[in-house]
Each structure stands twice: as structure tokens, then as C-alpha cells.
Amino acid sequence: MTKHFKSAFRQEVAELVVDKGYSIREAAEAMGVGKSTVDKWARNLRKERNGEETHDTPISEERRRISALEREVQQLKMEKEILKKATALLMSDSMKNLR
């Protein structure tokens, strides 16, 4: 069974390594998480802070917020396109009715 850790917990663990100087092993033992998991979270946090893309769930609060805003922008773009098409269709129908 796979454990699911909350974002804030993943960030806290990664910051132990990245910001506080703990080794992967020390952080893993202190927080009760596997070493490979802590290593992955720390690498992802470093990448995020360097502006690099990661394909994993964002670690930092800022990156999670950016991801949510990116999804919202995509949704709004899609809705805008739908509205443009509907408006064009309605305009063409009203032009036909005027003839």
C-alpha cells in the first residue's frame, strides 16, 4: 500500500535536507520516511527553486499555487474559445434571420 503524504509534510521533510543541512538518512529516520522518498523530495524542491520543471507533485507552496493558477488559466482559455464559437454561431444565425 502506497502512503500519501500531505504537501506541507513533503515540503518540511525536503527543507530539512535542503535548508537545514540534514543528510537524507538523518531526515528519513527523523521523519519516518524512506530514504529514496526523502531524496526524491529534496531533489524536486531544489529543481523547483531553480525554476526547473518536475513531473512530480509540486513540493513548495509557491509551486503548488503556480500549478493551480496554470490549470485555471487553461480552463479560462477553453471557456473563452467556447464563448467565441457560440457568439459566432449566434451572429450567423441572426444574420440569416435578417435576410
Protein backbone atom coordinates (compact mmCIF):
# COMPACT_ATOMS: atom_id res chain seq x y z
CA MET A 1 0.00 0.00 0.00
CA THR A 2 1.36 3.40 -1.00
CA LYS A 3 1.39 6.13 1.62
CA HIS A 4 0.18 9.57 0.59
CA PHE A 5 1.87 12.41 2.41
CA LYS A 6 0.42 15.90 2.63
CA SER A 7 2.18 18.60 0.66
CA ALA A 8 3.20 20.53 3.76
CA PHE A 9 4.82 17.41 5.21
CA ARG A 10 6.73 16.70 1.99
CA GLN A 11 7.97 20.29 1.97
CA GLU A 12 9.00 20.14 5.64
CA VAL A 13 11.00 16.94 5.09
CA ALA A 14 12.65 18.27 1.92
CA GLU A 15 13.59 21.51 3.72
CA LEU A 16 15.37 19.52 6.42
CA VAL A 17 17.79 18.37 3.74
CA VAL A 18 17.90 21.44 1.50
CA ASP A 19 17.81 24.22 4.11
CA LYS A 20 18.80 22.71 7.43
CA GLY A 21 21.72 20.53 6.33
CA TYR A 22 20.35 17.16 7.40
CA SER A 23 21.55 14.17 5.43
CA ILE A 24 18.99 12.14 3.50
CA ARG A 25 19.40 9.34 6.05
CA GLU A 26 19.00 11.66 9.05
CA ALA A 27 15.87 13.29 7.67
CA ALA A 28 14.38 9.93 6.68
CA GLU A 29 14.93 8.45 10.13
CA ALA A 30 13.75 11.57 11.96
CA MET A 31 10.53 11.80 9.97
CA GLY A 32 9.80 8.08 9.47
CA VAL A 33 10.04 8.18 5.68
CA GLY A 34 12.07 6.07 3.28
CA LYS A 35 15.47 7.38 2.19
CA SER A 36 14.64 7.24 -1.52
CA THR A 37 11.46 9.22 -0.88
CA VAL A 38 13.32 11.92 1.04
CA ASP A 39 15.96 12.06 -1.70
CA LYS A 40 13.27 12.49 -4.36
CA TRP A 41 11.51 15.25 -2.41
CA ALA A 42 14.77 17.11 -1.78
CA ARG A 43 15.77 16.88 -5.47
CA ASN A 44 12.33 18.13 -6.53
CA LEU A 45 12.46 21.05 -4.09
CA ARG A 46 15.89 22.06 -5.42
CA LYS A 47 14.62 21.84 -9.00
CA GLU A 48 11.56 23.93 -8.17
CA ARG A 49 13.68 26.59 -6.53
CA ASN A 50 15.93 26.67 -9.61
CA GLY A 51 12.87 27.12 -11.83
CA GLU A 52 13.23 23.68 -13.40
CA GLU A 53 10.21 21.59 -14.36
CA THR A 54 9.44 18.46 -12.40
CA HIS A 55 6.89 15.88 -13.37
CA ASP A 56 6.06 15.05 -9.78
CA THR A 57 3.61 16.68 -7.43
CA PRO A 58 4.98 20.13 -6.51
CA ILE A 59 6.76 20.30 -3.17
CA SER A 60 6.72 24.01 -2.34
CA GLU A 61 3.61 26.02 -1.58
CA GLU A 62 4.57 28.51 -4.31
CA ARG A 63 4.87 25.81 -6.96
CA ARG A 64 1.54 24.26 -5.93
CA ARG A 65 -0.08 27.70 -6.26
CA ILE A 66 1.53 28.24 -9.69
CA SER A 67 0.27 24.84 -10.86
CA ALA A 68 -3.25 25.64 -9.70
CA LEU A 69 -3.16 29.00 -11.48
CA GLU A 70 -1.86 27.37 -14.67
CA ARG A 71 -4.78 24.92 -14.60
CA GLU A 72 -7.18 27.82 -14.05
CA VAL A 73 -5.70 29.76 -16.99
CA GLN A 74 -6.12 26.72 -19.26
CA GLN A 75 -9.74 26.33 -18.15
CA LEU A 76 -10.46 30.01 -18.80
CA LYS A 77 -8.84 29.83 -22.26
CA MET A 78 -11.02 26.86 -23.14
CA GLU A 79 -14.16 28.62 -21.90
CA LYS A 80 -13.22 31.73 -23.88
CA GLU A 81 -12.87 29.69 -27.09
CA ILE A 82 -16.26 28.08 -26.49
CA LEU A 83 -17.84 31.50 -25.98
CA LYS A 84 -16.21 32.86 -29.15
CA LYS A 85 -17.58 29.96 -31.18
CA ALA A 86 -21.04 30.28 -29.64
CA THR A 87 -21.08 34.02 -30.34
CA ALA A 88 -20.05 33.47 -33.95
CA LEU A 89 -22.77 30.84 -34.35
CA LEU A 90 -25.42 33.11 -32.83
CA MET A 91 -24.31 36.02 -35.01
CA SER A 92 -24.50 33.91 -38.16
CA ASP A 93 -27.99 32.69 -37.16
CA SER A 94 -29.21 36.23 -36.50
CA MET A 95 -27.78 37.38 -39.86
CA LYS A 96 -29.71 34.59 -41.60
CA ASN A 97 -32.91 35.71 -39.85
CA LEU A 98 -32.44 39.29 -41.08
CA ARG A 99 -32.44 38.24 -44.74
